Amino acid sequence: MTAPDPRGPLCPACGGADHRVLQRVPGPLLRALWRAEFGVDPGPMPTPTHYACSCGVTFFSPARAGDAAFYEALYRGFTVRGWMSRPATDRSDFLAALPHIRPGDAVLDVGGHNGAFGTLLRDARYTAIDPHADRYASAGVLPETAAEHAARRPEHYDVVTAFQVIEHVEEPRQLAQEMLACLKPGGLLILAGPTWPSTMTEIPNMVINAPPHHLTWWSPAGFRRFAESLGLSVIEAREVEGGPALREGYYWLHRLMPKASPETAFRHSWPLHLRLALAALLRRPLNALVGTGSGRVVLDALLVARKPGP
């Protein structure tokens, strides 16, 4: 195990320097994986170092977040389009958040994409924002950042959510603070993001979990430390299992691939590349013929935390 590296960058979640190097990931490898697996060219990639912080979060540095053109191209792809358009009732992160929302609550969904979470909130007042709404989000989603929205509606909402957003930004603390500026005193902040260790982190070369898409991997412990560092009281921080669509997407990849560790998550090996391609081809027929088994498919972590106030 690599020793802590005090000379490295500060953790974007807790701001600390108590972290260790997991892996240095060649930028050309990431670019090749994006092109091969999703038909998307992110452009020249830096060679990021993947760090694990003692707070429970891992992060890539340097890491460049994907721009609007990258996500527009990515969401045109069949696989990602299918994941993004799956029914709201199949989103286990949505379902885990629902018990914390009361009738009549004003809810702001940051990075709401197509507003799917709002379809589950019949008794709440729902608003979705997405800075790229004019390019790929659905009608009715406001094309605003959290900071822009906070300037218009400060401390307006009872609940502010961000599902699968925190891992995409270069400054997660800044995003959380902007979300808190939209939240009433005593209101709830709800976050969901990819966890580690998980089913996905054990599948080698899963570039969907790498820059410029995922810049951080979270965990229940990491979310708890993150919330406490922001002065919030934690109500819940736990793992969330994937719903049916994600089970179909990841179960057989996990079963058919050799298990990776965070230290070996991304590596160039022609036999490994070919095995991943074959597993991806076999996934659908195996889902149809055999199903997805009964083993746990853990992909995400959930945080529910309260802002100080009455």
Protein backbone atom coordinates (compact mmCIF):
# COMPACT_ATOMS: atom_id res chain seq x y z
CA MET A 1 0.00 0.00 0.00
CA THR A 2 1.37 3.42 -0.97
CA ALA A 3 2.25 5.72 1.95
CA PRO A 4 0.44 9.05 2.44
CA ASP A 5 1.71 11.78 0.14
CA PRO A 6 1.66 15.14 2.00
CA ARG A 7 3.05 16.89 -1.08
CA GLY A 8 0.00 16.09 -3.18
CA PRO A 9 -3.00 18.35 -3.82
CA LEU A 10 -5.62 19.06 -1.18
CA CYS A 11 -8.66 16.82 -1.15
CA PRO A 12 -11.52 18.62 -2.93
CA ALA A 13 -14.01 17.15 -0.43
CA CYS A 14 -12.46 17.79 2.99
CA GLY A 15 -9.62 20.14 2.07
CA GLY A 16 -7.04 17.92 3.80
CA ALA A 17 -3.71 16.49 2.66
CA ASP A 18 -3.88 13.10 4.44
CA HIS A 19 -4.13 10.98 1.31
CA ARG A 20 -2.23 8.28 -0.53
CA VAL A 21 -1.63 7.59 -4.19
CA LEU A 22 -3.77 4.82 -5.63
CA GLN A 23 -2.70 4.99 -9.27
CA ARG A 24 -1.27 7.28 -11.93
CA VAL A 25 -3.57 6.84 -14.91
CA PRO A 26 -2.11 7.55 -18.37
CA GLY A 27 -4.10 10.26 -20.13
CA PRO A 28 -3.75 8.58 -23.57
CA LEU A 29 -5.24 5.38 -22.08
CA LEU A 30 -8.28 7.29 -20.76
CA ARG A 31 -8.80 8.96 -24.13
CA ALA A 32 -8.56 5.61 -25.94
CA LEU A 33 -11.02 3.99 -23.52
CA TRP A 34 -13.55 6.81 -24.00
CA ARG A 35 -13.31 6.46 -27.77
CA ALA A 36 -13.54 2.66 -27.72
CA GLU A 37 -16.27 2.21 -25.11
CA PHE A 38 -18.55 5.19 -25.83
CA GLY A 39 -17.47 6.62 -29.18
CA VAL A 40 -16.69 9.96 -27.51
CA ASP A 41 -13.41 11.82 -27.90
CA PRO A 42 -12.72 13.97 -24.82
CA GLY A 43 -9.70 15.51 -26.51
CA PRO A 44 -6.15 15.41 -25.14
CA MET A 45 -6.20 14.14 -21.55
CA PRO A 46 -3.78 14.92 -18.73
CA THR A 47 -2.27 12.03 -16.80
CA PRO A 48 -4.14 12.31 -13.50
CA THR A 49 -3.11 10.76 -10.22
CA HIS A 50 -5.87 8.97 -8.36
CA TYR A 51 -5.69 9.68 -4.61
CA ALA A 52 -7.54 8.13 -1.67
CA CYS A 53 -8.11 10.58 1.18
CA SER A 54 -8.48 9.49 4.80
CA CYS A 55 -11.89 11.20 4.78
CA GLY A 56 -13.28 8.36 2.62
CA VAL A 57 -13.28 10.13 -0.77
CA THR A 58 -11.01 9.41 -3.73
CA PHE A 59 -10.18 12.06 -6.29
CA PHE A 60 -8.28 12.52 -9.55
CA SER A 61 -5.77 15.37 -9.87
CA PRO A 62 -5.29 17.18 -12.11
CA ALA A 63 -8.78 16.61 -13.41
CA ARG A 64 -10.62 18.54 -16.08
CA ALA A 65 -14.41 18.33 -15.90
CA GLY A 66 -16.27 17.45 -19.08
CA ASP A 67 -17.73 20.42 -20.94
CA ALA A 68 -21.17 20.76 -22.53
CA ALA A 69 -19.92 19.40 -25.87
CA PHE A 70 -18.52 16.29 -24.17
CA TYR A 71 -21.81 15.55 -22.42
CA GLU A 72 -23.88 16.29 -25.47
CA ALA A 73 -21.84 13.70 -27.40
CA LEU A 74 -21.92 11.22 -24.50
CA TYR A 75 -25.71 11.44 -24.07
CA ARG A 76 -26.23 10.78 -27.76
CA GLY A 77 -24.82 7.30 -27.22
CA PHE A 78 -27.29 4.42 -26.95
CA THR A 79 -25.95 3.04 -23.66
CA VAL A 80 -25.85 6.31 -21.72
CA ARG A 81 -29.10 7.50 -23.29
CA GLY A 82 -30.78 4.33 -22.02
CA TRP A 83 -29.42 4.80 -18.51
CA MET A 84 -30.47 8.45 -18.37
CA SER A 85 -33.98 7.81 -19.70
CA ARG A 86 -34.84 4.87 -17.42
CA PRO A 87 -38.03 5.34 -15.38
CA ALA A 88 -37.75 7.37 -12.19
CA THR A 89 -39.11 4.37 -10.30
CA ASP A 90 -35.95 2.46 -11.31
CA ARG A 91 -33.68 5.09 -9.74
CA SER A 92 -32.76 3.69 -6.34
CA ASP A 93 -31.11 6.98 -5.36
CA PHE A 94 -34.41 8.78 -6.03
CA LEU A 95 -36.35 6.22 -4.03
CA ALA A 96 -33.92 6.44 -1.10
CA ALA A 97 -34.43 10.22 -0.96
CA LEU A 98 -38.24 10.17 -1.09
CA PRO A 99 -38.92 9.40 2.61
CA HIS A 100 -37.14 12.61 3.57
CA ILE A 101 -39.45 14.87 1.55
CA ARG A 102 -42.69 16.04 3.16
CA PRO A 103 -45.93 17.10 1.47
CA GLY A 104 -45.75 20.76 0.52
CA ASP A 105 -41.93 20.95 0.58
CA ALA A 106 -40.27 23.23 -1.95
CA VAL A 107 -37.62 21.06 -3.64
CA LEU A 108 -34.74 22.22 -5.82
CA ASP A 109 -33.05 19.56 -7.95
CA VAL A 110 -29.57 20.72 -9.02
CA GLY A 111 -28.33 19.15 -12.25
CA GLY A 112 -31.86 17.85 -12.75
CA HIS A 113 -31.30 16.93 -16.43
CA ASN A 114 -34.78 15.82 -17.52
CA GLY A 115 -36.66 16.55 -14.29
CA ALA A 116 -37.33 12.85 -13.68
CA PHE A 117 -37.14 13.14 -9.90
CA GLY A 118 -40.06 15.57 -9.98
CA THR A 119 -42.35 12.90 -11.41
CA LEU A 120 -42.16 11.13 -8.04
CA LEU A 121 -43.08 14.24 -6.02
CA ARG A 122 -46.83 14.60 -6.37
CA ASP A 123 -47.25 16.52 -3.09
CA ALA A 124 -44.14 18.74 -3.28
CA ARG A 125 -43.25 21.87 -5.26
CA TYR A 126 -40.45 20.88 -7.61
CA THR A 127 -37.92 23.00 -9.50
CA ALA A 128 -35.07 21.58 -11.59
CA ILE A 129 -32.01 23.48 -12.80
CA ASP A 130 -29.20 22.43 -15.13
CA PRO A 131 -26.57 24.77 -16.60
CA HIS A 132 -26.69 22.82 -19.87
CA ALA A 133 -30.50 22.66 -20.09
CA ASP A 134 -30.49 24.50 -23.41
CA ARG A 135 -28.34 21.76 -24.95
CA TYR A 136 -29.58 18.43 -23.63
CA ALA A 137 -32.03 18.78 -20.74
CA SER A 138 -35.80 18.64 -21.02
CA ALA A 139 -38.22 21.53 -21.38
CA GLY A 140 -39.11 23.10 -18.06
CA VAL A 141 -35.62 22.65 -16.59
CA LEU A 142 -34.11 26.07 -15.89
CA PRO A 143 -30.72 26.70 -17.58
CA GLU A 144 -29.00 27.96 -14.42
CA THR A 145 -26.16 27.07 -12.09
CA ALA A 146 -26.78 26.69 -8.36
CA ALA A 147 -24.98 29.99 -7.77
CA GLU A 148 -27.16 31.82 -10.27
CA HIS A 149 -30.30 30.33 -8.77
CA ALA A 150 -29.19 31.19 -5.23
CA ALA A 151 -28.83 34.82 -6.27
CA ARG A 152 -32.48 34.83 -7.36
CA ARG A 153 -33.96 32.64 -4.62
CA PRO A 154 -31.74 32.69 -1.53
CA GLU A 155 -32.74 30.33 1.29
CA HIS A 156 -35.98 29.52 -0.53
CA TYR A 157 -36.15 25.70 -0.49
CA ASP A 158 -36.95 23.09 2.12
CA VAL A 159 -34.91 20.43 0.30
CA VAL A 160 -32.07 20.78 -2.21
CA THR A 161 -30.94 17.65 -4.05
CA ALA A 162 -28.18 16.68 -6.47
CA PHE A 163 -28.28 13.14 -7.83
CA GLN A 164 -25.13 11.96 -9.64
CA VAL A 165 -23.78 15.52 -9.89
CA ILE A 166 -21.21 16.02 -7.11
CA GLU A 167 -18.74 13.61 -8.76
CA HIS A 168 -18.70 15.63 -11.99
CA VAL A 169 -17.49 18.97 -10.63
CA GLU A 170 -13.95 20.12 -9.96
CA GLU A 171 -14.96 21.92 -6.74
CA PRO A 172 -17.53 19.83 -4.83
CA ARG A 173 -17.31 22.03 -1.73
CA GLN A 174 -18.16 25.10 -3.79
CA LEU A 175 -21.14 23.33 -5.34
CA ALA A 176 -22.39 22.24 -1.90
CA GLN A 177 -22.05 25.77 -0.54
CA GLU A 178 -24.00 27.15 -3.50
CA MET A 179 -26.71 24.56 -2.87
CA LEU A 180 -26.80 25.50 0.80
CA ALA A 181 -27.31 29.14 -0.20
CA CYS A 182 -30.59 28.01 -1.83
CA LEU A 183 -31.65 26.10 1.29
CA LYS A 184 -33.71 27.45 4.18
CA PRO A 185 -32.21 27.22 7.68
CA GLY A 186 -33.16 23.78 8.96
CA GLY A 187 -33.61 22.43 5.43
CA LEU A 188 -32.21 19.21 4.00
CA LEU A 189 -29.32 18.73 1.60
CA ILE A 190 -29.51 15.39 -0.27
CA LEU A 191 -26.60 14.12 -2.37
CA ALA A 192 -26.03 10.85 -4.23
CA GLY A 193 -22.86 9.84 -6.05
CA PRO A 194 -20.74 6.82 -6.99
CA THR A 195 -19.31 4.97 -4.02
CA TRP A 196 -16.17 2.95 -3.45
CA PRO A 197 -15.48 0.15 -3.00
CA SER A 198 -18.37 -0.91 -5.20
CA THR A 199 -19.46 -3.21 -7.99
CA MET A 200 -18.34 -0.60 -10.52
CA THR A 201 -14.91 0.07 -9.00
CA GLU A 202 -14.18 -3.67 -9.15
CA ILE A 203 -14.67 -3.75 -12.95
CA PRO A 204 -11.38 -2.82 -14.65
CA ASN A 205 -11.25 -0.03 -17.22
CA MET A 206 -14.74 1.29 -16.47
CA VAL A 207 -13.95 4.65 -18.01
CA ILE A 208 -17.46 5.95 -17.19
CA ASN A 209 -16.03 6.19 -13.66
CA ALA A 210 -13.01 8.28 -14.71
CA PRO A 211 -12.22 11.83 -15.85
CA PRO A 212 -13.54 13.89 -17.46
CA HIS A 213 -16.81 12.28 -16.26
CA HIS A 214 -16.23 11.21 -12.66
CA LEU A 215 -13.63 13.28 -10.83
CA THR A 216 -14.37 11.94 -7.34
CA TRP A 217 -15.56 8.67 -5.82
CA TRP A 218 -17.52 8.97 -2.59
CA SER A 219 -18.53 6.67 0.29
CA PRO A 220 -20.90 6.87 3.26
CA ALA A 221 -17.97 7.81 5.50
CA GLY A 222 -16.76 10.38 2.97
CA PHE A 223 -20.19 11.95 2.68
CA ARG A 224 -20.46 12.09 6.48
CA ARG A 225 -17.10 13.86 6.84
CA PHE A 226 -17.99 16.18 3.95
CA ALA A 227 -21.26 17.22 5.58
CA GLU A 228 -19.71 17.71 9.00
CA SER A 229 -16.96 19.89 7.50
CA LEU A 230 -19.72 22.12 6.08
CA GLY A 231 -21.36 22.47 9.49
CA LEU A 232 -24.29 20.16 8.70
CA SER A 233 -25.83 17.52 10.93
CA VAL A 234 -25.98 14.13 9.24
CA ILE A 235 -29.31 12.35 9.19
CA GLU A 236 -28.32 9.48 6.93
CA ALA A 237 -25.20 8.36 5.04
CA ARG A 238 -25.34 4.91 3.47
CA GLU A 239 -24.80 2.75 0.42
CA VAL A 240 -27.56 2.41 -2.18
CA GLU A 241 -27.96 -0.67 -4.36
CA GLY A 242 -28.61 -0.24 -8.07
CA GLY A 243 -32.11 -0.69 -9.50
CA PRO A 244 -33.08 -3.18 -12.24
CA ALA A 245 -31.58 -1.23 -15.16
CA LEU A 246 -28.23 -0.78 -13.47
CA ARG A 247 -28.21 -4.42 -12.37
CA GLU A 248 -28.65 -5.35 -16.02
CA GLY A 249 -25.83 -3.00 -16.94
CA TYR A 250 -23.26 -4.06 -14.35
CA TYR A 251 -24.04 -7.52 -12.93
CA TRP A 252 -22.53 -9.60 -15.73
CA LEU A 253 -19.65 -7.22 -16.36
CA HIS A 254 -18.75 -7.70 -12.70
CA ARG A 255 -19.13 -11.49 -12.91
CA LEU A 256 -17.20 -11.93 -16.16
CA MET A 257 -14.27 -9.58 -15.54
CA PRO A 258 -11.29 -10.10 -13.23
CA LYS A 259 -11.70 -8.06 -10.08
CA ALA A 260 -9.81 -4.78 -10.01
CA SER A 261 -8.73 -2.78 -6.98
CA PRO A 262 -8.56 1.03 -6.92
CA GLU A 263 -4.80 0.59 -7.45
CA THR A 264 -5.41 -1.30 -10.72
CA ALA A 265 -8.67 0.27 -11.91
CA PHE A 266 -7.29 1.43 -15.27
CA ARG A 267 -4.53 -0.35 -17.18
CA HIS A 268 -3.55 -1.16 -20.71
CA SER A 269 -3.73 -4.87 -21.52
CA TRP A 270 -4.98 -6.23 -24.84
CA PRO A 271 -6.40 -9.42 -23.24
CA LEU A 272 -8.19 -7.24 -20.69
CA HIS A 273 -9.60 -4.94 -23.39
CA LEU A 274 -10.83 -7.91 -25.41
CA ARG A 275 -12.38 -9.54 -22.35
CA LEU A 276 -14.26 -6.33 -21.51
CA ALA A 277 -15.54 -6.06 -25.08
CA LEU A 278 -16.71 -9.70 -24.97
CA ALA A 279 -18.37 -9.23 -21.57
CA ALA A 280 -20.22 -6.18 -22.93
CA LEU A 281 -21.48 -8.22 -25.88
CA LEU A 282 -22.60 -11.12 -23.68
CA ARG A 283 -24.31 -8.92 -21.08
CA ARG A 284 -27.67 -8.60 -22.85
CA PRO A 285 -28.15 -12.25 -23.84
CA LEU A 286 -27.11 -13.37 -20.35
CA ASN A 287 -29.58 -10.93 -18.79
CA ALA A 288 -32.31 -12.37 -21.01
CA LEU A 289 -31.40 -16.05 -20.55
CA VAL A 290 -30.16 -16.21 -16.97
CA GLY A 291 -31.15 -12.93 -15.30
CA THR A 292 -29.07 -10.86 -12.95
CA GLY A 293 -28.83 -13.14 -9.94
CA SER A 294 -29.34 -12.21 -6.32
CA GLY A 295 -25.94 -10.76 -5.39
CA ARG A 296 -25.65 -7.14 -4.30
CA VAL A 297 -24.93 -4.54 -6.96
CA VAL A 298 -23.76 -1.53 -4.95
CA LEU A 299 -23.00 1.57 -6.99
CA ASP A 300 -23.88 4.71 -5.04
CA ALA A 301 -23.73 6.42 -1.68
CA LEU A 302 -26.48 8.68 -0.32
CA LEU A 303 -26.19 11.65 2.06
CA VAL A 304 -29.05 13.37 3.86
CA ALA A 305 -27.92 16.26 6.07
CA ARG A 306 -29.59 19.20 7.78
CA LYS A 307 -28.54 22.86 7.53
CA PRO A 308 -28.33 24.60 10.93
CA GLY A 309 -31.42 26.54 11.84
CA PRO A 310 -34.81 26.28 13.47
